[in-house]
């Protein structure tokens, strides 16, 4: 194999890897958006659940676990 062929092969490989990295980065960014949306929904549902639980049993105090 000629040195220029090796260089061309390496340049092609580097370009393909760069494209793959960009695609993966985009996918990760989209997944973070989904995770953040799901976290907001979970927080809202948790608050709603605690409120409903307090209404159902007002004599029993409901507190969030220490890790919240």
Protein backbone atom coordinates (compact mmCIF):
# COMPACT_ATOMS: atom_id res chain seq x y z
CA UNK A 1 0.00 0.00 0.00
CA UNK A 2 1.33 3.43 -0.89
CA UNK A 3 1.75 6.05 1.86
CA UNK A 4 -0.86 8.29 0.20
CA UNK A 5 -3.35 5.40 0.20
CA UNK A 6 -2.77 4.90 3.92
CA UNK A 7 -3.22 8.61 4.54
CA UNK A 8 -6.43 8.67 2.53
CA UNK A 9 -7.72 5.63 4.40
CA UNK A 10 -6.95 7.29 7.74
CA UNK A 11 -8.64 10.52 6.66
CA UNK A 12 -11.76 8.63 5.58
CA UNK A 13 -11.82 6.70 8.84
CA UNK A 14 -11.40 9.91 10.87
CA UNK A 15 -14.24 11.58 8.95
CA UNK A 16 -16.52 8.59 9.52
CA UNK A 17 -15.69 8.56 13.24
CA UNK A 18 -16.33 12.30 13.51
CA UNK A 19 -19.76 11.81 11.90
CA UNK A 20 -20.53 8.96 14.30
CA UNK A 21 -19.49 11.06 17.30
CA UNK A 22 -21.73 13.92 16.15
CA UNK A 23 -24.68 11.54 15.72
CA UNK A 24 -24.14 10.03 19.16
CA UNK A 25 -23.82 13.46 20.72
CA UNK A 26 -27.15 14.45 19.17
CA UNK A 27 -28.80 11.30 20.46
CA UNK A 28 -27.48 11.91 23.97
CA UNK A 29 -28.79 15.48 23.90
CA UNK A 30 -32.24 14.21 22.86
CA UNK A 31 -32.18 11.57 25.60
CA UNK A 32 -31.34 14.20 28.22
CA UNK A 33 -34.36 16.24 27.09
CA UNK A 34 -36.56 13.16 27.50
CA UNK A 35 -35.06 12.40 30.92
CA UNK A 36 -35.59 15.97 32.11
CA UNK A 37 -39.21 15.91 30.88
CA UNK A 38 -39.81 12.60 32.64
CA UNK A 39 -38.23 13.92 35.84
CA UNK A 40 -40.54 16.96 35.83
CA UNK A 41 -43.55 14.68 35.31
CA UNK A 42 -42.39 12.35 38.07
CA UNK A 43 -41.93 15.29 40.45
CA UNK A 44 -45.43 16.58 39.63
CA UNK A 45 -46.95 13.13 40.12
CA UNK A 46 -45.10 12.71 43.42
CA UNK A 47 -46.41 16.06 44.66
CA UNK A 48 -49.93 15.15 43.54
CA UNK A 49 -49.73 11.74 45.18
CA UNK A 50 -48.54 13.24 48.47
CA UNK A 51 -51.35 15.81 48.37
CA UNK A 52 -53.97 13.11 47.72
CA UNK A 53 -52.50 10.93 50.46
CA UNK A 54 -52.70 13.82 52.92
CA UNK A 55 -56.35 14.41 51.98
CA UNK A 56 -57.17 10.72 52.44
CA UNK A 57 -55.53 10.49 55.86
CA UNK A 58 -55.18 13.99 57.36
CA UNK A 59 -54.31 12.63 60.81
CA UNK A 60 -51.22 10.80 59.54
CA UNK A 61 -48.41 13.18 58.53
CA UNK A 62 -46.90 12.39 55.16
CA UNK A 63 -43.31 13.38 54.68
CA UNK A 64 -40.96 12.93 51.81
CA UNK A 65 -38.15 10.43 52.32
CA UNK A 66 -34.84 12.00 53.42
CA UNK A 67 -33.28 11.57 49.96
CA UNK A 68 -35.75 14.05 48.39
